[in-house]
């Protein structure tokens, strides 16, 4: 048999110190993973809130522009309702409900697109 044997001892022959060392390394890794998850969650909240705010402002601006023009009354109302739903998405995103914020932002944009179809 030519080959290099494993350098680790089988579990039944490891010493107590080896087991403690393995556990402390696992705890350090878990702490690093928790920090990474917190950072990703923070970024997701900021992204959801920022997207909701931008879409709400865009919908409000579109509603104001369409209201001053010759468009039917339903068009600015649809833009305003879509902007309100996107503002709700921003609030949900800021509170950490990022999945619901995503769906609310999509629904708000769809409402605004529906208003554009009435034009």
PDB file of N, CA and C in Angstrom:
ATOM      1  N   UNK A   1       0.832  -1.173   0.000  1.00  0.00           N
ATOM      2  CA  UNK A   1       0.000   0.000   0.000  1.00  0.00           C
ATOM      3  C   UNK A   1       0.871   1.229   0.000  1.00  0.00           C
ATOM      4  N   UNK A   2       0.866   1.900  -1.099  1.00  0.00           N
ATOM      5  CA  UNK A   2       1.608   3.151  -1.125  1.00  0.00           C
ATOM      6  C   UNK A   2       0.603   4.280  -1.069  1.00  0.00           C
ATOM      7  N   UNK A   3       0.761   5.112  -0.171  1.00  0.00           N
ATOM      8  CA  UNK A   3      -0.150   6.226   0.004  1.00  0.00           C
ATOM      9  C   UNK A   3       0.093   6.851   1.354  1.00  0.00           C
ATOM     10  N   UNK A   4      -0.287   8.052   1.437  1.00  0.00           N
ATOM     11  CA  UNK A   4      -0.055   8.783   2.667  1.00  0.00           C
ATOM     12  C   UNK A   4      -1.250   8.621   3.596  1.00  0.00           C
ATOM     13  N   UNK A   5      -1.056   8.236   4.809  1.00  0.00           N
ATOM     14  CA  UNK A   5      -2.194   8.100   5.716  1.00  0.00           C
ATOM     15  C   UNK A   5      -2.693   9.476   6.140  1.00  0.00           C
ATOM     16  N   UNK A   6      -3.939   9.511   6.557  1.00  0.00           N
ATOM     17  CA  UNK A   6      -4.511  10.771   7.041  1.00  0.00           C
ATOM     18  C   UNK A   6      -3.768  11.233   8.283  1.00  0.00           C
ATOM     19  N   UNK A   7      -3.640  12.543   8.384  1.00  0.00           N
ATOM     20  CA  UNK A   7      -2.944  13.085   9.542  1.00  0.00           C
ATOM     21  C   UNK A   7      -3.856  13.202  10.753  1.00  0.00           C
ATOM     22  N   UNK A   8      -5.175  13.187  10.543  1.00  0.00           N
ATOM     23  CA  UNK A   8      -6.105  13.274  11.672  1.00  0.00           C
ATOM     24  C   UNK A   8      -6.269  11.915  12.320  1.00  0.00           C
ATOM     25  N   UNK A   9      -6.405  11.941  13.586  1.00  0.00           N
ATOM     26  CA  UNK A   9      -6.661  10.714  14.321  1.00  0.00           C
ATOM     27  C   UNK A   9      -8.140  10.372  14.206  1.00  0.00           C
ATOM     28  N   UNK A  10      -8.477   9.112  14.267  1.00  0.00           N
ATOM     29  CA  UNK A  10      -9.899   8.760  14.277  1.00  0.00           C
ATOM     30  C   UNK A  10     -10.579   9.387  15.490  1.00  0.00           C
ATOM     31  N   UNK A  11     -11.885   9.619  15.422  1.00  0.00           N
ATOM     32  CA  UNK A  11     -12.576  10.303  16.515  1.00  0.00           C
ATOM     33  C   UNK A  11     -12.407   9.633  17.871  1.00  0.00           C
ATOM     34  N   UNK A  12     -12.267   8.308  17.895  1.00  0.00           N
ATOM     35  CA  UNK A  12     -12.162   7.644  19.192  1.00  0.00           C
ATOM     36  C   UNK A  12     -10.780   7.759  19.814  1.00  0.00           C
ATOM     37  N   UNK A  13      -9.800   8.239  19.049  1.00  0.00           N
ATOM     38  CA  UNK A  13      -8.452   8.379  19.591  1.00  0.00           C
ATOM     39  C   UNK A  13      -8.036   9.831  19.779  1.00  0.00           C
ATOM     40  N   UNK A  14      -8.935  10.780  19.509  1.00  0.00           N
ATOM     41  CA  UNK A  14      -8.593  12.183  19.706  1.00  0.00           C
ATOM     42  C   UNK A  14      -8.582  12.511  21.189  1.00  0.00           C
ATOM     43  N   UNK A  15      -7.712  13.424  21.527  1.00  0.00           N
ATOM     44  CA  UNK A  15      -7.632  13.842  22.920  1.00  0.00           C
ATOM     45  C   UNK A  15      -8.665  14.920  23.199  1.00  0.00           C
ATOM     46  N   UNK A  16      -8.879  15.196  24.451  1.00  0.00           N
ATOM     47  CA  UNK A  16      -9.835  16.210  24.863  1.00  0.00           C
ATOM     48  C   UNK A  16      -9.407  17.583  24.352  1.00  0.00           C
ATOM     49  N   UNK A  17      -8.102  17.847  24.378  1.00  0.00           N
ATOM     50  CA  UNK A  17      -7.597  19.131  23.896  1.00  0.00           C
ATOM     51  C   UNK A  17      -7.882  19.314  22.405  1.00  0.00           C
ATOM     52  N   UNK A  18      -7.745  18.218  21.636  1.00  0.00           N
ATOM     53  CA  UNK A  18      -8.039  18.293  20.211  1.00  0.00           C
ATOM     54  C   UNK A  18      -9.517  18.613  19.967  1.00  0.00           C
ATOM     55  N   UNK A  19     -10.379  17.988  20.745  1.00  0.00           N
ATOM     56  CA  UNK A  19     -11.807  18.240  20.594  1.00  0.00           C
ATOM     57  C   UNK A  19     -12.161  19.680  20.956  1.00  0.00           C
ATOM     58  N   UNK A  20     -11.566  20.202  22.023  1.00  0.00           N
ATOM     59  CA  UNK A  20     -11.812  21.595  22.406  1.00  0.00           C
ATOM     60  C   UNK A  20     -11.329  22.549  21.321  1.00  0.00           C
ATOM     61  N   UNK A  21     -10.190  22.231  20.719  1.00  0.00           N
ATOM     62  CA  UNK A  21      -9.646  23.064  19.653  1.00  0.00           C
ATOM     63  C   UNK A  21     -10.595  23.073  18.455  1.00  0.00           C
ATOM     64  N   UNK A  22     -11.108  21.898  18.108  1.00  0.00           N
ATOM     65  CA  UNK A  22     -12.046  21.805  16.990  1.00  0.00           C
ATOM     66  C   UNK A  22     -13.324  22.603  17.275  1.00  0.00           C
ATOM     67  N   UNK A  23     -13.821  22.521  18.504  1.00  0.00           N
ATOM     68  CA  UNK A  23     -15.036  23.255  18.868  1.00  0.00           C
ATOM     69  C   UNK A  23     -14.814  24.759  18.845  1.00  0.00           C
ATOM     70  N   UNK A  24     -13.670  25.222  19.313  1.00  0.00           N
ATOM     71  CA  UNK A  24     -13.417  26.663  19.311  1.00  0.00           C
ATOM     72  C   UNK A  24     -13.281  27.187  17.883  1.00  0.00           C
ATOM     73  N   UNK A  25     -12.687  26.401  16.980  1.00  0.00           N
ATOM     74  CA  UNK A  25     -12.597  26.811  15.576  1.00  0.00           C
ATOM     75  C   UNK A  25     -13.985  26.878  14.946  1.00  0.00           C
ATOM     76  N   UNK A  26     -14.852  25.922  15.295  1.00  0.00           N
ATOM     77  CA  UNK A  26     -16.215  25.928  14.757  1.00  0.00           C
ATOM     78  C   UNK A  26     -16.993  27.129  15.276  1.00  0.00           C
ATOM     79  N   UNK A  27     -16.817  27.483  16.551  1.00  0.00           N
ATOM     80  CA  UNK A  27     -17.494  28.648  17.108  1.00  0.00           C
ATOM     81  C   UNK A  27     -17.032  29.931  16.436  1.00  0.00           C
ATOM     82  N   UNK A  28     -15.731  30.050  16.172  1.00  0.00           N
ATOM     83  CA  UNK A  28     -15.213  31.229  15.478  1.00  0.00           C
ATOM     84  C   UNK A  28     -15.808  31.335  14.081  1.00  0.00           C
ATOM     85  N   UNK A  29     -15.934  30.202  13.410  1.00  0.00           N
ATOM     86  CA  UNK A  29     -16.505  30.209  12.067  1.00  0.00           C
ATOM     87  C   UNK A  29     -17.978  30.612  12.115  1.00  0.00           C
ATOM     88  N   UNK A  30     -18.717  30.114  13.105  1.00  0.00           N
ATOM     89  CA  UNK A  30     -20.124  30.484  13.252  1.00  0.00           C
ATOM     90  C   UNK A  30     -20.279  31.973  13.512  1.00  0.00           C
ATOM     91  N   UNK A  31     -19.393  32.531  14.337  1.00  0.00           N
ATOM     92  CA  UNK A  31     -19.461  33.966  14.608  1.00  0.00           C
ATOM     93  C   UNK A  31     -19.192  34.773  13.351  1.00  0.00           C
ATOM     94  N   UNK A  32     -18.249  34.334  12.541  1.00  0.00           N
ATOM     95  CA  UNK A  32     -17.963  35.033  11.285  1.00  0.00           C
ATOM     96  C   UNK A  32     -19.153  34.926  10.338  1.00  0.00           C
ATOM     97  N   UNK A  33     -19.781  33.736  10.281  1.00  0.00           N
ATOM     98  CA  UNK A  33     -20.941  33.547   9.424  1.00  0.00           C
ATOM     99  C   UNK A  33     -22.106  34.419   9.872  1.00  0.00           C
ATOM    100  N   UNK A  34     -22.311  34.551  11.188  1.00  0.00           N
ATOM    101  CA  UNK A  34     -23.378  35.410  11.701  1.00  0.00           C
ATOM    102  C   UNK A  34     -23.144  36.860  11.315  1.00  0.00           C
ATOM    103  N   UNK A  35     -21.909  37.314  11.400  1.00  0.00           N
ATOM    104  CA  UNK A  35     -21.590  38.682  10.999  1.00  0.00           C
ATOM    105  C   UNK A  35     -21.845  38.905   9.519  1.00  0.00           C
ATOM    106  N   UNK A  36     -21.530  37.893   8.710  1.00  0.00           N
ATOM    107  CA  UNK A  36     -21.764  37.995   7.272  1.00  0.00           C
ATOM    108  C   UNK A  36     -23.258  38.041   6.978  1.00  0.00           C
ATOM    109  N   UNK A  37     -24.032  37.219   7.674  1.00  0.00           N
ATOM    110  CA  UNK A  37     -25.477  37.222   7.465  1.00  0.00           C
ATOM    111  C   UNK A  37     -26.098  38.553   7.879  1.00  0.00           C
ATOM    112  N   UNK A  38     -25.612  39.121   8.980  1.00  0.00           N
ATOM    113  CA  UNK A  38     -26.128  40.422   9.409  1.00  0.00           C
ATOM    114  C   UNK A  38     -25.817  41.500   8.374  1.00  0.00           C
ATOM    115  N   UNK A  39     -24.627  41.450   7.799  1.00  0.00           N
ATOM    116  CA  UNK A  39     -24.250  42.434   6.781  1.00  0.00           C
ATOM    117  C   UNK A  39     -25.118  42.274   5.532  1.00  0.00           C
ATOM    118  N   UNK A  40     -25.367  41.039   5.124  1.00  0.00           N
ATOM    119  CA  UNK A  40     -26.217  40.808   3.958  1.00  0.00           C
ATOM    120  C   UNK A  40     -27.645  41.264   4.225  1.00  0.00           C
ATOM    121  N   UNK A  41     -28.146  41.025   5.424  1.00  0.00           N
ATOM    122  CA  UNK A  41     -29.502  41.466   5.769  1.00  0.00           C
ATOM    123  C   UNK A  41     -29.589  42.987   5.774  1.00  0.00           C
ATOM    124  N   UNK A  42     -28.551  43.641   6.285  1.00  0.00           N
ATOM    125  CA  UNK A  42     -28.523  45.115   6.300  1.00  0.00           C
ATOM    126  C   UNK A  42     -28.536  45.662   4.874  1.00  0.00           C
ATOM    127  N   UNK A  43     -27.750  45.054   4.005  1.00  0.00           N
ATOM    128  CA  UNK A  43     -27.715  45.500   2.599  1.00  0.00           C
ATOM    129  C   UNK A  43     -29.060  45.281   1.919  1.00  0.00           C
ATOM    130  N   UNK A  44     -29.702  44.160   2.220  1.00  0.00           N
ATOM    131  CA  UNK A  44     -31.013  43.881   1.618  1.00  0.00           C
ATOM    132  C   UNK A  44     -32.045  44.895   2.086  1.00  0.00           C
ATOM    133  N   UNK A  45     -31.991  45.264   3.373  1.00  0.00           N
ATOM    134  CA  UNK A  45     -32.930  46.282   3.878  1.00  0.00           C
ATOM    135  C   UNK A  45     -32.700  47.616   3.191  1.00  0.00           C
ATOM    136  N   UNK A  46     -31.442  48.024   3.074  1.00  0.00           N
ATOM    137  CA  UNK A  46     -31.148  49.298   2.414  1.00  0.00           C
ATOM    138  C   UNK A  46     -31.569  49.266   0.944  1.00  0.00           C
ATOM    139  N   UNK A  47     -31.324  48.165   0.267  1.00  0.00           N
ATOM    140  CA  UNK A  47     -31.692  48.062  -1.144  1.00  0.00           C
ATOM    141  C   UNK A  47     -33.212  48.121  -1.322  1.00  0.00           C
ATOM    142  N   UNK A  48     -33.931  47.402  -0.480  1.00  0.00           N
ATOM    143  CA  UNK A  48     -35.393  47.399  -0.584  1.00  0.00           C
ATOM    144  C   UNK A  48     -35.970  48.774  -0.271  1.00  0.00           C
ATOM    145  N   UNK A  49     -35.458  49.407   0.772  1.00  0.00           N
ATOM    146  CA  UNK A  49     -35.961  50.735   1.142  1.00  0.00           C
ATOM    147  C   UNK A  49     -35.609  51.759   0.071  1.00  0.00           C
ATOM    148  N   UNK A  50     -34.384  51.721  -0.415  1.00  0.00           N
ATOM    149  CA  UNK A  50     -33.963  52.671  -1.447  1.00  0.00           C
ATOM    150  C   UNK A  50     -34.731  52.509  -2.741  1.00  0.00           C
ATOM    151  N   UNK A  51     -34.952  51.272  -3.155  1.00  0.00           N
ATOM    152  CA  UNK A  51     -35.722  51.018  -4.370  1.00  0.00           C
ATOM    153  C   UNK A  51     -37.148  51.503  -4.220  1.00  0.00           C
ATOM    154  N   UNK A  52     -37.745  51.244  -3.076  1.00  0.00           N
ATOM    155  CA  UNK A  52     -39.116  51.704  -2.839  1.00  0.00           C
ATOM    156  C   UNK A  52     -39.219  53.220  -2.879  1.00  0.00           C
ATOM    157  N   UNK A  53     -38.247  53.908  -2.293  1.00  0.00           N
ATOM    158  CA  UNK A  53     -38.270  55.375  -2.294  1.00  0.00           C
ATOM    159  C   UNK A  53     -38.126  55.920  -3.715  1.00  0.00           C
ATOM    160  N   UNK A  54     -37.176  55.370  -4.465  1.00  0.00           N
ATOM    161  CA  UNK A  54     -36.957  55.847  -5.838  1.00  0.00           C
ATOM    162  C   UNK A  54     -38.194  55.618  -6.693  1.00  0.00           C
ATOM    163  N   UNK A  55     -38.793  54.441  -6.585  1.00  0.00           N
ATOM    164  CA  UNK A  55     -39.994  54.160  -7.378  1.00  0.00           C
ATOM    165  C   UNK A  55     -41.176  55.019  -6.944  1.00  0.00           C
ATOM    166  N   UNK A  56     -41.288  55.280  -5.652  1.00  0.00           N
ATOM    167  CA  UNK A  56     -42.374  56.138  -5.174  1.00  0.00           C
ATOM    168  C   UNK A  56     -42.206  57.567  -5.690  1.00  0.00           C
ATOM    169  N   UNK A  57     -40.988  58.061  -5.684  1.00  0.00           N
ATOM    170  CA  UNK A  57     -40.740  59.410  -6.222  1.00  0.00           C
ATOM    171  C   UNK A  57     -41.004  59.471  -7.722  1.00  0.00           C
ATOM    172  N   UNK A  58     -40.593  58.435  -8.435  1.00  0.00           N
ATOM    173  CA  UNK A  58     -40.837  58.406  -9.879  1.00  0.00           C
ATOM    174  C   UNK A  58     -42.337  58.351 -10.170  1.00  0.00           C
ATOM    175  N   UNK A  59     -43.069  57.556  -9.418  1.00  0.00           N
ATOM    176  CA  UNK A  59     -44.517  57.473  -9.620  1.00  0.00           C
ATOM    177  C   UNK A  59     -45.219  58.775  -9.278  1.00  0.00           C
ATOM    178  N   UNK A  60     -44.760  59.432  -8.233  1.00  0.00           N
ATOM    179  CA  UNK A  60     -45.359  60.716  -7.859  1.00  0.00           C
ATOM    180  C   UNK A  60     -45.099  61.765  -8.934  1.00  0.00           C
ATOM    181  N   UNK A  61     -43.872  61.797  -9.440  1.00  0.00           N
ATOM    182  CA  UNK A  61     -43.538  62.747 -10.503  1.00  0.00           C
ATOM    183  C   UNK A  61     -44.358  62.462 -11.755  1.00  0.00           C
ATOM    184  N   UNK A  62     -44.504  61.193 -12.101  1.00  0.00           N
ATOM    185  CA  UNK A  62     -45.304  60.842 -13.275  1.00  0.00           C
ATOM    186  C   UNK A  62     -46.764  61.217 -13.076  1.00  0.00           C
ATOM    187  N   UNK A  63     -47.287  61.012 -11.872  1.00  0.00           N
ATOM    188  CA  UNK A  63     -48.682  61.375 -11.598  1.00  0.00           C
ATOM    189  C   UNK A  63     -48.887  62.880 -11.735  1.00  0.00           C
ATOM    190  N   UNK A  64     -47.934  63.656 -11.221  1.00  0.00           N
ATOM    191  CA  UNK A  64     -48.055  65.112 -11.331  1.00  0.00           C
ATOM    192  C   UNK A  64     -47.946  65.580 -12.783  1.00  0.00           C
ATOM    193  N   UNK A  65     -47.037  64.984 -13.532  1.00  0.00           N
ATOM    194  CA  UNK A  65     -46.894  65.368 -14.943  1.00  0.00           C
ATOM    195  C   UNK A  65     -48.131  64.981 -15.758  1.00  0.00           C
ATOM    196  N   UNK A  66     -48.657  63.802 -15.497  1.00  0.00           N
ATOM    197  CA  UNK A  66     -49.853  63.361 -16.236  1.00  0.00           C
ATOM    198  C   UNK A  66     -51.096  64.135 -15.819  1.00  0.00           C
ATOM    199  N   UNK A  67     -51.149  64.566 -14.574  1.00  0.00           N
ATOM    200  CA  UNK A  67     -52.315  65.323 -14.109  1.00  0.00           C
ATOM    201  C   UNK A  67     -52.356  66.700 -14.767  1.00  0.00           C
ATOM    202  N   UNK A  68     -51.200  67.260 -15.056  1.00  0.00           N
ATOM    203  CA  UNK A  68     -51.168  68.595 -15.683  1.00  0.00           C
ATOM    204  C   UNK A  68     -51.392  68.525 -17.186  1.00  0.00           C
ATOM    205  N   UNK A  69     -51.353  67.337 -17.765  1.00  0.00           N
ATOM    206  CA  UNK A  69     -51.548  67.186 -19.207  1.00  0.00           C
ATOM    207  C   UNK A  69     -52.992  66.880 -19.566  1.00  0.00           C
ATOM    208  N   UNK A  70     -53.152  66.340 -20.761  1.00  0.00           N
ATOM    209  CA  UNK A  70     -54.495  66.033 -21.274  1.00  0.00           C
ATOM    210  C   UNK A  70     -54.856  64.562 -21.103  1.00  0.00           C
ATOM    211  N   UNK A  71     -54.160  63.849 -20.267  1.00  0.00           N
ATOM    212  CA  UNK A  71     -54.423  62.429 -20.063  1.00  0.00           C
ATOM    213  C   UNK A  71     -55.736  62.241 -19.308  1.00  0.00           C
ATOM    214  N   UNK A  72     -56.400  61.102 -19.524  1.00  0.00           N
ATOM    215  CA  UNK A  72     -57.615  60.813 -18.748  1.00  0.00           C
ATOM    216  C   UNK A  72     -57.302  60.787 -17.251  1.00  0.00           C
ATOM    217  N   UNK A  73     -58.306  61.005 -16.449  1.00  0.00           N
ATOM    218  CA  UNK A  73     -58.113  61.112 -15.001  1.00  0.00           C
ATOM    219  C   UNK A  73     -57.617  59.810 -14.380  1.00  0.00           C
ATOM    220  N   UNK A  74     -57.895  58.694 -15.014  1.00  0.00           N
ATOM    221  CA  UNK A  74     -57.488  57.403 -14.475  1.00  0.00           C
ATOM    222  C   UNK A  74     -55.969  57.214 -14.507  1.00  0.00           C
ATOM    223  N   UNK A  75     -55.299  57.862 -15.445  1.00  0.00           N
ATOM    224  CA  UNK A  75     -53.848  57.695 -15.583  1.00  0.00           C
ATOM    225  C   UNK A  75     -53.091  58.254 -14.383  1.00  0.00           C
ATOM    226  N   UNK A  76     -53.289  59.519 -13.990  1.00  0.00           N
ATOM    227  CA  UNK A  76     -52.555  59.994 -12.813  1.00  0.00           C
ATOM    228  C   UNK A  76     -52.953  59.282 -11.526  1.00  0.00           C
ATOM    229  N   UNK A  77     -54.201  58.832 -11.448  1.00  0.00           N
ATOM    230  CA  UNK A  77     -54.629  58.082 -10.264  1.00  0.00           C
ATOM    231  C   UNK A  77     -53.877  56.758 -10.184  1.00  0.00           C
ATOM    232  N   UNK A  78     -53.705  56.098 -11.305  1.00  0.00           N
ATOM    233  CA  UNK A  78     -52.965  54.827 -11.318  1.00  0.00           C
ATOM    234  C   UNK A  78     -51.512  55.056 -10.929  1.00  0.00           C
ATOM    235  N   UNK A  79     -50.906  56.116 -11.441  1.00  0.00           N
ATOM    236  CA  UNK A  79     -49.525  56.422 -11.064  1.00  0.00           C
ATOM    237  C   UNK A  79     -49.423  56.738  -9.566  1.00  0.00           C
ATOM    238  N   UNK A  80     -50.370  57.484  -9.054  1.00  0.00           N
ATOM    239  CA  UNK A  80     -50.349  57.831  -7.630  1.00  0.00           C
ATOM    240  C   UNK A  80     -50.544  56.586  -6.759  1.00  0.00           C
ATOM    241  N   UNK A  81     -51.435  55.701  -7.160  1.00  0.00           N
ATOM    242  CA  UNK A  81     -51.644  54.462  -6.397  1.00  0.00           C
ATOM    243  C   UNK A  81     -50.400  53.574  -6.448  1.00  0.00           C
ATOM    244  N   UNK A  82     -49.785  53.491  -7.615  1.00  0.00           N
ATOM    245  CA  UNK A  82     -48.541  52.729  -7.735  1.00  0.00           C
ATOM    246  C   UNK A  82     -47.437  53.325  -6.876  1.00  0.00           C
ATOM    247  N   UNK A  83     -47.387  54.663  -6.828  1.00  0.00           N
ATOM    248  CA  UNK A  83     -46.390  55.322  -5.983  1.00  0.00           C
ATOM    249  C   UNK A  83     -46.656  55.033  -4.507  1.00  0.00           C
ATOM    250  N   UNK A  84     -47.910  54.979  -4.121  1.00  0.00           N
ATOM    251  CA  UNK A  84     -48.252  54.674  -2.729  1.00  0.00           C
ATOM    252  C   UNK A  84     -47.841  53.247  -2.367  1.00  0.00           C
ATOM    253  N   UNK A  85     -48.048  52.318  -3.278  1.00  0.00           N
ATOM    254  CA  UNK A  85     -47.646  50.932  -3.025  1.00  0.00           C
ATOM    255  C   UNK A  85     -46.119  50.834  -2.940  1.00  0.00           C
ATOM    256  N   UNK A  86     -45.411  51.600  -3.775  1.00  0.00           N
ATOM    257  CA  UNK A  86     -43.950  51.600  -3.713  1.00  0.00           C
ATOM    258  C   UNK A  86     -43.452  52.253  -2.422  1.00  0.00           C
ATOM    259  N   UNK A  87     -44.171  53.252  -1.941  1.00  0.00           N
ATOM    260  CA  UNK A  87     -43.812  53.845  -0.648  1.00  0.00           C
ATOM    261  C   UNK A  87     -44.012  52.817   0.466  1.00  0.00           C
ATOM    262  N   UNK A  88     -45.062  52.021   0.374  1.00  0.00           N
ATOM    263  CA  UNK A  88     -45.265  50.928   1.320  1.00  0.00           C
ATOM    264  C   UNK A  88     -44.105  49.940   1.236  1.00  0.00           C
ATOM    265  N   UNK A  89     -43.619  49.683   0.021  1.00  0.00           N
ATOM    266  CA  UNK A  89     -42.469  48.789  -0.145  1.00  0.00           C
ATOM    267  C   UNK A  89     -41.242  49.361   0.550  1.00  0.00           C
ATOM    268  N   UNK A  90     -41.070  50.665   0.494  1.00  0.00           N
ATOM    269  CA  UNK A  90     -39.930  51.289   1.168  1.00  0.00           C
ATOM    270  C   UNK A  90     -40.033  51.118   2.678  1.00  0.00           C
ATOM    271  N   UNK A  91     -41.227  51.263   3.209  1.00  0.00           N
ATOM    272  CA  UNK A  91     -41.420  51.092   4.652  1.00  0.00           C
ATOM    273  C   UNK A  91     -41.181  49.639   5.048  1.00  0.00           C
ATOM    274  N   UNK A  92     -41.700  48.718   4.269  1.00  0.00           N
ATOM    275  CA  UNK A  92     -41.489  47.299   4.567  1.00  0.00           C
ATOM    276  C   UNK A  92     -40.010  46.941   4.497  1.00  0.00           C
ATOM    277  N   UNK A  93     -39.315  47.485   3.505  1.00  0.00           N
ATOM    278  CA  UNK A  93     -37.889  47.207   3.377  1.00  0.00           C
ATOM    279  C   UNK A  93     -37.094  47.756   4.544  1.00  0.00           C
ATOM    280  N   UNK A  94     -37.463  48.934   5.005  1.00  0.00           N
ATOM    281  CA  UNK A  94     -36.748  49.529   6.132  1.00  0.00           C
ATOM    282  C   UNK A  94     -36.973  48.742   7.419  1.00  0.00           C
ATOM    283  N   UNK A  95     -38.101  48.064   7.520  1.00  0.00           N
ATOM    284  CA  UNK A  95     -38.407  47.269   8.721  1.00  0.00           C
ATOM    285  C   UNK A  95     -37.894  45.836   8.629  1.00  0.00           C
ATOM    286  N   UNK A  96     -37.222  45.509   7.524  1.00  0.00           N
ATOM    287  CA  UNK A  96     -36.636  44.183   7.397  1.00  0.00           C
ATOM    288  C   UNK A  96     -37.504  43.166   6.691  1.00  0.00           C
ATOM    289  N   UNK A  97     -38.634  43.562   6.206  1.00  0.00           N
ATOM    290  CA  UNK A  97     -39.515  42.642   5.471  1.00  0.00           C
ATOM    291  C   UNK A  97     -39.175  42.726   3.989  1.00  0.00           C
ATOM    292  N   UNK A  98     -37.979  42.261   3.638  1.00  0.00           N
ATOM    293  CA  UNK A  98     -37.464  42.501   2.293  1.00  0.00           C
ATOM    294  C   UNK A  98     -38.220  41.711   1.225  1.00  0.00           C
ATOM    295  N   UNK A  99     -38.649  40.508   1.546  1.00  0.00           N
ATOM    296  CA  UNK A  99     -39.378  39.728   0.541  1.00  0.00           C
ATOM    297  C   UNK A  99     -40.730  40.385   0.238  1.00  0.00           C
ATOM    298  N   UNK A 100     -41.416  40.826   1.265  1.00  0.00           N
ATOM    299  CA  UNK A 100     -42.696  41.518   1.050  1.00  0.00           C
ATOM    300  C   UNK A 100     -42.477  42.851   0.359  1.00  0.00           C
ATOM    301  N   UNK A 101     -41.370  43.518   0.685  1.00  0.00           N
ATOM    302  CA  UNK A 101     -41.048  44.789   0.035  1.00  0.00           C
ATOM    303  C   UNK A 101     -40.813  44.584  -1.456  1.00  0.00           C
ATOM    304  N   UNK A 102     -40.150  43.497  -1.818  1.00  0.00           N
ATOM    305  CA  UNK A 102     -39.925  43.206  -3.237  1.00  0.00           C
ATOM    306  C   UNK A 102     -41.250  43.021  -3.962  1.00  0.00           C
ATOM    307  N   UNK A 103     -42.132  42.243  -3.368  1.00  0.00           N
ATOM    308  CA  UNK A 103     -43.425  42.010  -4.009  1.00  0.00           C
ATOM    309  C   UNK A 103     -44.255  43.287  -4.075  1.00  0.00           C
ATOM    310  N   UNK A 104     -44.182  44.118  -3.063  1.00  0.00           N
ATOM    311  CA  UNK A 104     -44.916  45.383  -3.087  1.00  0.00           C
ATOM    312  C   UNK A 104     -44.355  46.316  -4.157  1.00  0.00           C
ATOM    313  N   UNK A 105     -43.045  46.340  -4.320  1.00  0.00           N
ATOM    314  CA  UNK A 105     -42.439  47.178  -5.357  1.00  0.00           C
ATOM    315  C   UNK A 105     -42.850  46.696  -6.748  1.00  0.00           C
ATOM    316  N   UNK A 106     -42.858  45.393  -6.940  1.00  0.00           N
ATOM    317  CA  UNK A 106     -43.290  44.839  -8.235  1.00  0.00           C
ATOM    318  C   UNK A 106     -44.755  45.182  -8.487  1.00  0.00           C
ATOM    319  N   UNK A 107     -45.592  45.042  -7.469  1.00  0.00           N
ATOM    320  CA  UNK A 107     -47.011  45.374  -7.624  1.00  0.00           C
ATOM    321  C   UNK A 107     -47.195  46.858  -7.930  1.00  0.00           C
ATOM    322  N   UNK A 108     -46.429  47.727  -7.260  1.00  0.00           N
ATOM    323  CA  UNK A 108     -46.526  49.159  -7.520  1.00  0.00           C
ATOM    324  C   UNK A 108     -46.143  49.519  -8.942  1.00  0.00           C
ATOM    325  N   UNK A 109     -45.075  48.909  -9.435  1.00  0.00           N
ATOM    326  CA  UNK A 109     -44.654  49.174 -10.818  1.00  0.00           C
ATOM    327  C   UNK A 109     -45.694  48.636 -11.797  1.00  0.00           C
ATOM    328  N   UNK A 110     -46.298  47.502 -11.478  1.00  0.00           N
ATOM    329  CA  UNK A 110     -47.343  46.962 -12.360  1.00  0.00           C
ATOM    330  C   UNK A 110     -48.562  47.874 -12.383  1.00  0.00           C
ATOM    331  N   UNK A 111     -48.908  48.456 -11.252  1.00  0.00           N
ATOM    332  CA  UNK A 111     -50.036  49.397 -11.211  1.00  0.00           C
ATOM    333  C   UNK A 111     -49.717  50.622 -12.057  1.00  0.00           C
ATOM    334  N   UNK A 112     -48.473  51.108 -11.951  1.00  0.00           N
ATOM    335  CA  UNK A 112     -48.084  52.257 -12.779  1.00  0.00           C
ATOM    336  C   UNK A 112     -48.094  51.902 -14.258  1.00  0.00           C
ATOM    337  N   UNK A 113     -47.674  50.710 -14.603  1.00  0.00           N
ATOM    338  CA  UNK A 113     -47.697  50.270 -16.000  1.00  0.00           C
ATOM    339  C   UNK A 113     -49.124  50.141 -16.512  1.00  0.00           C
ATOM    340  N   UNK A 114     -50.015  49.688 -15.638  1.00  0.00           N
ATOM    341  CA  UNK A 114     -51.419  49.616 -16.011  1.00  0.00           C
ATOM    342  C   UNK A 114     -51.976  51.025 -16.283  1.00  0.00           C
ATOM    343  N   UNK A 115     -51.584  51.994 -15.479  1.00  0.00           N
ATOM    344  CA  UNK A 115     -52.000  53.370 -15.725  1.00  0.00           C
ATOM    345  C   UNK A 115     -51.476  53.901 -17.029  1.00  0.00           C
ATOM    346  N   UNK A 116     -50.283  53.459 -17.393  1.00  0.00           N
ATOM    347  CA  UNK A 116     -49.710  53.891 -18.678  1.00  0.00           C
ATOM    348  C   UNK A 116     -50.490  53.298 -19.843  1.00  0.00           C
ATOM    349  N   UNK A 117     -51.091  52.137 -19.649  1.00  0.00           N
ATOM    350  CA  UNK A 117     -51.881  51.511 -20.715  1.00  0.00           C
ATOM    351  C   UNK A 117     -53.192  52.265 -20.970  1.00  0.00           C
ATOM    352  N   UNK A 118     -53.697  52.970 -19.970  1.00  0.00           N
ATOM    353  CA  UNK A 118     -54.929  53.722 -20.141  1.00  0.00           C
ATOM    354  C   UNK A 118     -54.724  54.996 -20.954  1.00  0.00           C
ATOM    355  N   UNK A 119     -53.497  55.371 -21.144  1.00  0.00           N
ATOM    356  CA  UNK A 119     -53.186  56.612 -21.864  1.00  0.00           C
ATOM    357  C   UNK A 119     -53.281  56.408 -23.357  1.00  0.00           C
TER     358      UNK A 119
END
